[in-house]
Amino acid sequence: MSTIEQKLKEMGYSLPDPWPSGKLERAVQVGSLIFTSGAGSLIKGKLGKDIDIDSGYRAARECCLQLLSNLKTVIGSLDSVHRVVKLLCMVNSTPDFVDQPSVANGCTDLLIELYGEKTGKHARSAVGMSSLPGGIAVEIEMIVEIVQQH
């Protein structure tokens, strides 16, 4: 078990099964950068109507764990992450809901707790969407830089 996976376990988390790739790649590598497909939460609903910020935060954490699971399948070990570069967090929300960043913090906080500020702190966009597939609350994409093996 990798150091990062052991740390996740100590934090009380486990990685879900990676989702089947089907028509899409879980992630695509370009040089030392890995671009993930979006990962959605199991939590459904619309922020500002059906669910509160705490539920949205948990949904973003779920997305983070799914992203990490999919990433591990592609790169082999989560210890290979050199830097989390960027997140795009899409929040299913009403037009008047304006706290998408608080929802996105569910993923951001977990990455920083897991990797530390030097590796886990990243650029981010947190945006509201009128709907997401299947009525999910949150979907997140991630770009990471990996350590290149020579």
N, C-alpha and C. Protein backbone atom coordinates (compact mmCIF):
# COMPACT_ATOMS: atom_id res chain seq x y z
N MET A 1 0.85 -1.19 0.00
CA MET A 1 0.00 0.00 0.00
C MET A 1 0.89 1.24 0.00
N SER A 2 0.54 2.21 -0.83
CA SER A 2 1.33 3.43 -0.93
C SER A 2 1.20 4.26 0.34
N THR A 3 2.12 5.18 0.51
CA THR A 3 2.10 6.09 1.66
C THR A 3 0.82 6.91 1.68
N ILE A 4 0.41 7.42 0.53
CA ILE A 4 -0.80 8.24 0.44
C ILE A 4 -2.04 7.40 0.76
N GLU A 5 -2.09 6.18 0.25
CA GLU A 5 -3.24 5.32 0.56
C GLU A 5 -3.28 4.97 2.05
N GLN A 6 -2.12 4.76 2.65
CA GLN A 6 -2.06 4.48 4.08
C GLN A 6 -2.56 5.69 4.87
N LYS A 7 -2.16 6.89 4.44
CA LYS A 7 -2.61 8.11 5.10
C LYS A 7 -4.13 8.26 4.97
N LEU A 8 -4.67 7.96 3.79
CA LEU A 8 -6.13 8.00 3.60
C LEU A 8 -6.82 7.08 4.58
N LYS A 9 -6.28 5.86 4.71
CA LYS A 9 -6.85 4.87 5.62
C LYS A 9 -6.82 5.39 7.06
N GLU A 10 -5.70 5.98 7.45
CA GLU A 10 -5.57 6.54 8.80
C GLU A 10 -6.55 7.69 9.03
N MET A 11 -6.91 8.39 7.95
CA MET A 11 -7.87 9.50 8.04
C MET A 11 -9.31 8.99 8.03
N GLY A 12 -9.49 7.67 7.87
CA GLY A 12 -10.82 7.09 7.89
C GLY A 12 -11.48 6.96 6.53
N TYR A 13 -10.71 7.09 5.47
CA TYR A 13 -11.25 7.01 4.11
C TYR A 13 -10.73 5.77 3.41
N SER A 14 -11.50 5.33 2.43
CA SER A 14 -11.02 4.28 1.52
C SER A 14 -11.39 4.71 0.11
N LEU A 15 -10.62 4.23 -0.84
CA LEU A 15 -10.88 4.57 -2.23
C LEU A 15 -12.02 3.70 -2.77
N PRO A 16 -12.97 4.31 -3.44
CA PRO A 16 -14.02 3.51 -4.09
C PRO A 16 -13.42 2.78 -5.29
N ASP A 17 -14.16 1.86 -5.86
CA ASP A 17 -13.71 1.21 -7.08
C ASP A 17 -13.63 2.26 -8.18
N PRO A 18 -12.61 2.16 -9.05
CA PRO A 18 -12.58 3.09 -10.18
C PRO A 18 -13.77 2.82 -11.08
N TRP A 19 -14.32 3.86 -11.68
CA TRP A 19 -15.46 3.64 -12.54
C TRP A 19 -14.98 3.11 -13.88
N PRO A 20 -15.82 2.33 -14.53
CA PRO A 20 -15.44 1.79 -15.84
C PRO A 20 -15.17 2.91 -16.83
N SER A 21 -14.17 2.74 -17.67
CA SER A 21 -13.82 3.82 -18.60
C SER A 21 -14.79 3.92 -19.76
N GLY A 22 -15.32 2.81 -20.26
CA GLY A 22 -16.30 2.88 -21.34
C GLY A 22 -15.82 3.69 -22.52
N LYS A 23 -16.60 4.69 -22.90
CA LYS A 23 -16.26 5.53 -24.05
C LYS A 23 -15.23 6.60 -23.72
N LEU A 24 -15.00 6.83 -22.44
CA LEU A 24 -14.07 7.87 -22.01
C LEU A 24 -12.88 7.26 -21.30
N GLU A 25 -11.79 7.99 -21.29
CA GLU A 25 -10.65 7.63 -20.46
C GLU A 25 -10.88 8.19 -19.06
N ARG A 26 -10.45 7.45 -18.04
CA ARG A 26 -10.52 7.98 -16.68
C ARG A 26 -9.64 9.22 -16.57
N ALA A 27 -8.52 9.17 -17.28
CA ALA A 27 -7.57 10.27 -17.30
C ALA A 27 -6.68 10.12 -18.53
N VAL A 28 -6.14 11.24 -18.96
CA VAL A 28 -5.24 11.25 -20.11
C VAL A 28 -3.94 11.91 -19.69
N GLN A 29 -2.83 11.28 -20.04
CA GLN A 29 -1.52 11.82 -19.71
C GLN A 29 -0.95 12.55 -20.92
N VAL A 30 -0.48 13.78 -20.69
CA VAL A 30 0.23 14.57 -21.69
C VAL A 30 1.52 15.03 -21.02
N GLY A 31 2.62 14.42 -21.40
CA GLY A 31 3.88 14.71 -20.72
C GLY A 31 3.78 14.28 -19.26
N SER A 32 4.07 15.20 -18.36
CA SER A 32 4.00 14.87 -16.93
C SER A 32 2.65 15.29 -16.32
N LEU A 33 1.73 15.78 -17.15
CA LEU A 33 0.42 16.20 -16.65
C LEU A 33 -0.62 15.11 -16.90
N ILE A 34 -1.50 14.93 -15.91
CA ILE A 34 -2.62 14.01 -16.02
C ILE A 34 -3.90 14.83 -15.92
N PHE A 35 -4.76 14.71 -16.93
CA PHE A 35 -6.05 15.39 -16.96
C PHE A 35 -7.13 14.35 -16.71
N THR A 36 -7.85 14.48 -15.59
CA THR A 36 -8.88 13.48 -15.28
C THR A 36 -10.21 13.85 -15.93
N SER A 37 -11.00 12.83 -16.17
CA SER A 37 -12.40 13.06 -16.50
C SER A 37 -13.11 13.50 -15.23
N GLY A 38 -14.25 14.10 -15.36
CA GLY A 38 -15.01 14.52 -14.19
C GLY A 38 -15.49 13.34 -13.37
N ALA A 39 -15.47 13.50 -12.07
CA ALA A 39 -15.98 12.49 -11.14
C ALA A 39 -17.14 13.11 -10.38
N GLY A 40 -18.25 12.39 -10.33
CA GLY A 40 -19.44 12.90 -9.68
C GLY A 40 -19.68 12.27 -8.32
N SER A 41 -20.49 12.95 -7.55
CA SER A 41 -20.84 12.48 -6.21
C SER A 41 -22.02 11.52 -6.27
N LEU A 42 -22.18 10.74 -5.21
CA LEU A 42 -23.39 9.93 -5.06
C LEU A 42 -24.52 10.77 -4.50
N ILE A 43 -24.17 11.86 -3.85
CA ILE A 43 -25.16 12.76 -3.28
C ILE A 43 -25.83 13.52 -4.42
N LYS A 44 -27.15 13.51 -4.40
CA LYS A 44 -27.91 14.20 -5.44
C LYS A 44 -28.63 15.39 -4.85
N GLY A 45 -28.93 16.34 -5.71
CA GLY A 45 -29.68 17.50 -5.28
C GLY A 45 -29.05 18.79 -5.77
N LYS A 46 -29.78 19.87 -5.53
CA LYS A 46 -29.36 21.19 -5.97
C LYS A 46 -29.07 22.05 -4.74
N LEU A 47 -27.85 22.60 -4.72
CA LEU A 47 -27.47 23.51 -3.64
C LEU A 47 -28.34 24.75 -3.72
N GLY A 48 -28.81 25.21 -2.59
CA GLY A 48 -29.70 26.36 -2.54
C GLY A 48 -31.17 25.96 -2.61
N LYS A 49 -31.42 24.66 -2.81
CA LYS A 49 -32.81 24.20 -2.87
C LYS A 49 -32.98 22.91 -2.06
N ASP A 50 -32.32 21.83 -2.49
CA ASP A 50 -32.52 20.51 -1.88
C ASP A 50 -31.52 20.17 -0.79
N ILE A 51 -30.30 20.67 -0.92
CA ILE A 51 -29.25 20.29 0.03
C ILE A 51 -28.47 21.51 0.49
N ASP A 52 -27.85 21.37 1.66
CA ASP A 52 -27.12 22.49 2.26
C ASP A 52 -25.63 22.40 1.94
N ILE A 53 -24.89 23.41 2.37
CA ILE A 53 -23.46 23.49 2.08
C ILE A 53 -22.70 22.30 2.66
N ASP A 54 -23.06 21.86 3.87
CA ASP A 54 -22.37 20.70 4.46
C ASP A 54 -22.53 19.45 3.59
N SER A 55 -23.72 19.23 3.04
CA SER A 55 -23.93 18.09 2.14
C SER A 55 -23.14 18.27 0.86
N GLY A 56 -23.08 19.49 0.35
CA GLY A 56 -22.28 19.77 -0.84
C GLY A 56 -20.80 19.55 -0.59
N TYR A 57 -20.33 19.93 0.59
CA TYR A 57 -18.93 19.73 0.98
C TYR A 57 -18.62 18.23 0.99
N ARG A 58 -19.53 17.43 1.58
CA ARG A 58 -19.34 15.96 1.60
C ARG A 58 -19.37 15.39 0.18
N ALA A 59 -20.22 15.95 -0.67
CA ALA A 59 -20.28 15.50 -2.07
C ALA A 59 -18.95 15.78 -2.77
N ALA A 60 -18.35 16.93 -2.52
CA ALA A 60 -17.05 17.25 -3.12
C ALA A 60 -15.96 16.32 -2.61
N ARG A 61 -16.05 15.91 -1.35
CA ARG A 61 -15.10 14.95 -0.79
C ARG A 61 -15.24 13.60 -1.48
N GLU A 62 -16.50 13.19 -1.71
CA GLU A 62 -16.75 11.95 -2.46
C GLU A 62 -16.11 12.02 -3.84
N CYS A 63 -16.28 13.16 -4.50
CA CYS A 63 -15.69 13.34 -5.83
C CYS A 63 -14.17 13.19 -5.75
N CYS A 64 -13.57 13.77 -4.73
CA CYS A 64 -12.13 13.70 -4.56
C CYS A 64 -11.66 12.26 -4.44
N LEU A 65 -12.34 11.47 -3.63
CA LEU A 65 -11.96 10.07 -3.47
C LEU A 65 -12.11 9.31 -4.79
N GLN A 66 -13.16 9.61 -5.55
CA GLN A 66 -13.32 8.95 -6.85
C GLN A 66 -12.23 9.38 -7.82
N LEU A 67 -11.90 10.66 -7.81
CA LEU A 67 -10.80 11.14 -8.65
C LEU A 67 -9.50 10.42 -8.32
N LEU A 68 -9.22 10.28 -7.03
CA LEU A 68 -7.99 9.60 -6.61
C LEU A 68 -7.99 8.14 -7.02
N SER A 69 -9.13 7.48 -6.92
CA SER A 69 -9.24 6.08 -7.33
C SER A 69 -8.99 5.94 -8.83
N ASN A 70 -9.63 6.80 -9.62
CA ASN A 70 -9.43 6.76 -11.07
C ASN A 70 -7.99 7.09 -11.43
N LEU A 71 -7.42 8.07 -10.73
CA LEU A 71 -6.03 8.46 -10.96
C LEU A 71 -5.08 7.31 -10.66
N LYS A 72 -5.30 6.63 -9.55
CA LYS A 72 -4.45 5.50 -9.18
C LYS A 72 -4.46 4.42 -10.26
N THR A 73 -5.63 4.17 -10.84
CA THR A 73 -5.74 3.18 -11.90
C THR A 73 -4.87 3.55 -13.10
N VAL A 74 -4.75 4.83 -13.37
CA VAL A 74 -4.00 5.30 -14.53
C VAL A 74 -2.50 5.39 -14.25
N ILE A 75 -2.12 5.90 -13.07
CA ILE A 75 -0.69 6.14 -12.80
C ILE A 75 -0.04 5.09 -11.91
N GLY A 76 -0.84 4.20 -11.33
CA GLY A 76 -0.28 3.11 -10.54
C GLY A 76 -0.16 3.39 -9.05
N SER A 77 0.34 4.54 -8.68
CA SER A 77 0.52 4.87 -7.27
C SER A 77 0.22 6.35 -7.04
N LEU A 78 -0.56 6.63 -6.01
CA LEU A 78 -0.86 8.02 -5.67
C LEU A 78 0.37 8.75 -5.13
N ASP A 79 1.41 7.98 -4.80
CA ASP A 79 2.67 8.60 -4.37
C ASP A 79 3.39 9.26 -5.54
N SER A 80 2.98 8.97 -6.76
CA SER A 80 3.61 9.55 -7.96
C SER A 80 3.18 10.98 -8.22
N VAL A 81 2.19 11.48 -7.47
CA VAL A 81 1.72 12.85 -7.68
C VAL A 81 2.79 13.82 -7.16
N HIS A 82 3.28 14.66 -8.07
CA HIS A 82 4.26 15.68 -7.70
C HIS A 82 3.56 16.96 -7.27
N ARG A 83 2.41 17.27 -7.92
CA ARG A 83 1.67 18.49 -7.61
C ARG A 83 0.25 18.38 -8.11
N VAL A 84 -0.71 18.75 -7.28
CA VAL A 84 -2.07 18.93 -7.74
C VAL A 84 -2.07 20.33 -8.37
N VAL A 85 -2.38 20.41 -9.66
CA VAL A 85 -2.25 21.66 -10.40
C VAL A 85 -3.54 22.47 -10.37
N LYS A 86 -4.68 21.83 -10.70
CA LYS A 86 -5.91 22.59 -10.88
C LYS A 86 -7.13 21.71 -10.67
N LEU A 87 -8.18 22.28 -10.08
CA LEU A 87 -9.48 21.64 -9.98
C LEU A 87 -10.51 22.51 -10.69
N LEU A 88 -11.46 21.85 -11.32
CA LEU A 88 -12.67 22.51 -11.80
C LEU A 88 -13.82 21.84 -11.07
N CYS A 89 -14.46 22.60 -10.19
CA CYS A 89 -15.57 22.08 -9.38
C CYS A 89 -16.87 22.67 -9.89
N MET A 90 -17.74 21.79 -10.36
CA MET A 90 -19.04 22.21 -10.88
C MET A 90 -20.11 21.83 -9.86
N VAL A 91 -20.88 22.82 -9.44
CA VAL A 91 -21.86 22.64 -8.38
C VAL A 91 -23.26 22.84 -8.96
N ASN A 92 -24.10 21.83 -8.80
CA ASN A 92 -25.50 21.90 -9.22
C ASN A 92 -26.19 22.85 -8.24
N SER A 93 -26.54 24.05 -8.72
CA SER A 93 -27.05 25.05 -7.77
C SER A 93 -28.10 25.95 -8.41
N THR A 94 -28.88 26.55 -7.54
CA THR A 94 -29.90 27.50 -7.97
C THR A 94 -29.21 28.78 -8.44
N PRO A 95 -29.89 29.61 -9.24
CA PRO A 95 -29.27 30.84 -9.72
C PRO A 95 -28.83 31.79 -8.61
N ASP A 96 -29.50 31.74 -7.45
CA ASP A 96 -29.15 32.67 -6.37
C ASP A 96 -28.15 32.08 -5.38
N PHE A 97 -27.72 30.83 -5.56
CA PHE A 97 -26.71 30.24 -4.68
C PHE A 97 -25.35 30.76 -5.10
N VAL A 98 -24.60 31.32 -4.16
CA VAL A 98 -23.33 31.97 -4.51
C VAL A 98 -22.14 31.44 -3.71
N ASP A 99 -22.30 30.29 -3.05
CA ASP A 99 -21.23 29.80 -2.19
C ASP A 99 -20.58 28.51 -2.73
N GLN A 100 -20.43 28.45 -4.05
CA GLN A 100 -19.78 27.29 -4.67
C GLN A 100 -18.37 27.03 -4.10
N PRO A 101 -17.58 28.07 -3.78
CA PRO A 101 -16.26 27.81 -3.21
C PRO A 101 -16.30 27.01 -1.89
N SER A 102 -17.31 27.25 -1.06
CA SER A 102 -17.42 26.49 0.20
C SER A 102 -17.69 25.01 -0.06
N VAL A 103 -18.43 24.73 -1.12
CA VAL A 103 -18.68 23.34 -1.52
C VAL A 103 -17.38 22.72 -2.04
N ALA A 104 -16.71 23.44 -2.94
CA ALA A 104 -15.46 22.94 -3.53
C ALA A 104 -14.39 22.66 -2.48
N ASN A 105 -14.45 23.36 -1.36
CA ASN A 105 -13.47 23.14 -0.29
C ASN A 105 -13.46 21.70 0.21
N GLY A 106 -14.54 20.96 0.01
CA GLY A 106 -14.55 19.55 0.41
C GLY A 106 -13.46 18.76 -0.28
N CYS A 107 -13.23 19.04 -1.54
CA CYS A 107 -12.16 18.38 -2.29
C CYS A 107 -10.81 19.03 -1.98
N THR A 108 -10.77 20.35 -2.01
CA THR A 108 -9.52 21.07 -1.74
C THR A 108 -8.94 20.71 -0.38
N ASP A 109 -9.77 20.73 0.65
CA ASP A 109 -9.29 20.43 2.00
C ASP A 109 -8.72 19.02 2.09
N LEU A 110 -9.38 18.05 1.46
CA LEU A 110 -8.89 16.68 1.51
C LEU A 110 -7.54 16.55 0.80
N LEU A 111 -7.39 17.18 -0.35
CA LEU A 111 -6.11 17.11 -1.06
C LEU A 111 -4.98 17.74 -0.27
N ILE A 112 -5.25 18.85 0.40
CA ILE A 112 -4.21 19.51 1.21
C ILE A 112 -3.90 18.68 2.45
N GLU A 113 -4.93 18.12 3.10
CA GLU A 113 -4.70 17.24 4.25
C GLU A 113 -3.86 16.03 3.85
N LEU A 114 -4.13 15.50 2.69
CA LEU A 114 -3.49 14.28 2.22
C LEU A 114 -2.06 14.52 1.74
N TYR A 115 -1.87 15.53 0.92
CA TYR A 115 -0.57 15.76 0.29
C TYR A 115 0.25 16.88 0.92
N GLY A 116 -0.37 17.68 1.79
CA GLY A 116 0.32 18.84 2.33
C GLY A 116 0.20 20.02 1.37
N GLU A 117 0.54 21.20 1.85
CA GLU A 117 0.36 22.42 1.04
C GLU A 117 1.26 22.44 -0.19
N LYS A 118 2.49 21.97 -0.06
CA LYS A 118 3.43 22.06 -1.19
C LYS A 118 2.93 21.27 -2.40
N THR A 119 2.37 20.12 -2.18
CA THR A 119 1.90 19.26 -3.27
C THR A 119 0.40 19.40 -3.50
N GLY A 120 -0.37 19.57 -2.44
CA GLY A 120 -1.83 19.52 -2.56
C GLY A 120 -2.51 20.84 -2.87
N LYS A 121 -1.88 21.97 -2.54
CA LYS A 121 -2.52 23.27 -2.80
C LYS A 121 -2.50 23.53 -4.30
N HIS A 122 -3.60 24.05 -4.83
CA HIS A 122 -3.78 24.10 -6.28
C HIS A 122 -4.55 25.34 -6.71
N ALA A 123 -4.56 25.57 -8.01
CA ALA A 123 -5.46 26.56 -8.60
C ALA A 123 -6.84 25.91 -8.68
N ARG A 124 -7.89 26.71 -8.71
CA ARG A 124 -9.23 26.12 -8.71
C ARG A 124 -10.26 27.08 -9.28
N SER A 125 -11.24 26.50 -9.95
CA SER A 125 -12.46 27.21 -10.32
C SER A 125 -13.62 26.48 -9.69
N ALA A 126 -14.55 27.22 -9.10
CA ALA A 126 -15.76 26.64 -8.52
C ALA A 126 -16.94 27.39 -9.12
N VAL A 127 -17.72 26.68 -9.92
CA VAL A 127 -18.77 27.34 -10.68
C VAL A 127 -20.12 26.66 -10.46
N GLY A 128 -21.17 27.45 -10.60
CA GLY A 128 -22.53 26.92 -10.50
C GLY A 128 -23.02 26.44 -11.85
N MET A 129 -23.76 25.36 -11.83
CA MET A 129 -24.36 24.78 -13.04
C MET A 129 -25.86 24.64 -12.80
N SER A 130 -26.65 24.80 -13.85
CA SER A 130 -28.09 24.66 -13.70
C SER A 130 -28.49 23.19 -13.51
N SER A 131 -27.66 22.27 -13.96
CA SER A 131 -27.89 20.84 -13.72
C SER A 131 -26.60 20.09 -13.97
N LEU A 132 -26.54 18.89 -13.41
CA LEU A 132 -25.42 17.98 -13.63
C LEU A 132 -26.00 16.60 -13.94
N PRO A 133 -25.22 15.72 -14.57
CA PRO A 133 -25.74 14.41 -14.97
C PRO A 133 -26.38 13.65 -13.80
N GLY A 134 -27.55 13.10 -14.04
CA GLY A 134 -28.23 12.30 -13.04
C GLY A 134 -28.69 13.06 -11.81
N GLY A 135 -28.63 14.38 -11.86
CA GLY A 135 -29.04 15.18 -10.71
C GLY A 135 -28.02 15.22 -9.58
N ILE A 136 -26.75 14.81 -9.87
CA ILE A 136 -25.73 14.83 -8.83
C ILE A 136 -25.47 16.25 -8.37
N ALA A 137 -24.98 16.38 -7.13
CA ALA A 137 -24.76 17.70 -6.55
C ALA A 137 -23.47 18.35 -7.03
N VAL A 138 -22.43 17.51 -7.25
CA VAL A 138 -21.11 18.04 -7.56
C VAL A 138 -20.41 17.13 -8.56
N GLU A 139 -19.66 17.74 -9.47
CA GLU A 139 -18.74 17.02 -10.36
C GLU A 139 -17.43 17.80 -10.39
N ILE A 140 -16.31 17.07 -10.32
CA ILE A 140 -15.01 17.73 -10.26
C ILE A 140 -14.05 17.08 -11.25
N GLU A 141 -13.26 17.92 -11.92
CA GLU A 141 -12.15 17.49 -12.76
C GLU A 141 -10.86 17.92 -12.07
N MET A 142 -9.78 17.19 -12.34
CA MET A 142 -8.51 17.51 -11.70
C MET A 142 -7.37 17.38 -12.70
N ILE A 143 -6.39 18.25 -12.58
CA ILE A 143 -5.14 18.15 -13.33
C ILE A 143 -4.04 17.98 -12.30
N VAL A 144 -3.21 16.94 -12.48
CA VAL A 144 -2.07 16.73 -11.59
C VAL A 144 -0.79 16.59 -12.42
N GLU A 145 0.30 16.95 -11.80
CA GLU A 145 1.62 16.69 -12.37
C GLU A 145 2.19 15.48 -11.65
N ILE A 146 2.73 14.55 -12.40
CA ILE A 146 3.32 13.36 -11.78
C ILE A 146 4.84 13.40 -11.90
N VAL A 147 5.48 12.64 -11.04
CA VAL A 147 6.92 12.48 -11.09
C VAL A 147 7.22 11.60 -12.29
N GLN A 148 8.06 12.08 -13.18
CA GLN A 148 8.44 11.32 -14.37
C GLN A 148 9.55 10.34 -14.03
N GLN A 149 9.34 9.09 -14.43
CA GLN A 149 10.37 8.07 -14.26
C GLN A 149 11.30 8.11 -15.46
N HIS A 150 12.60 8.14 -15.21
CA HIS A 150 13.58 8.20 -16.32
C HIS A 150 14.23 6.87 -16.51
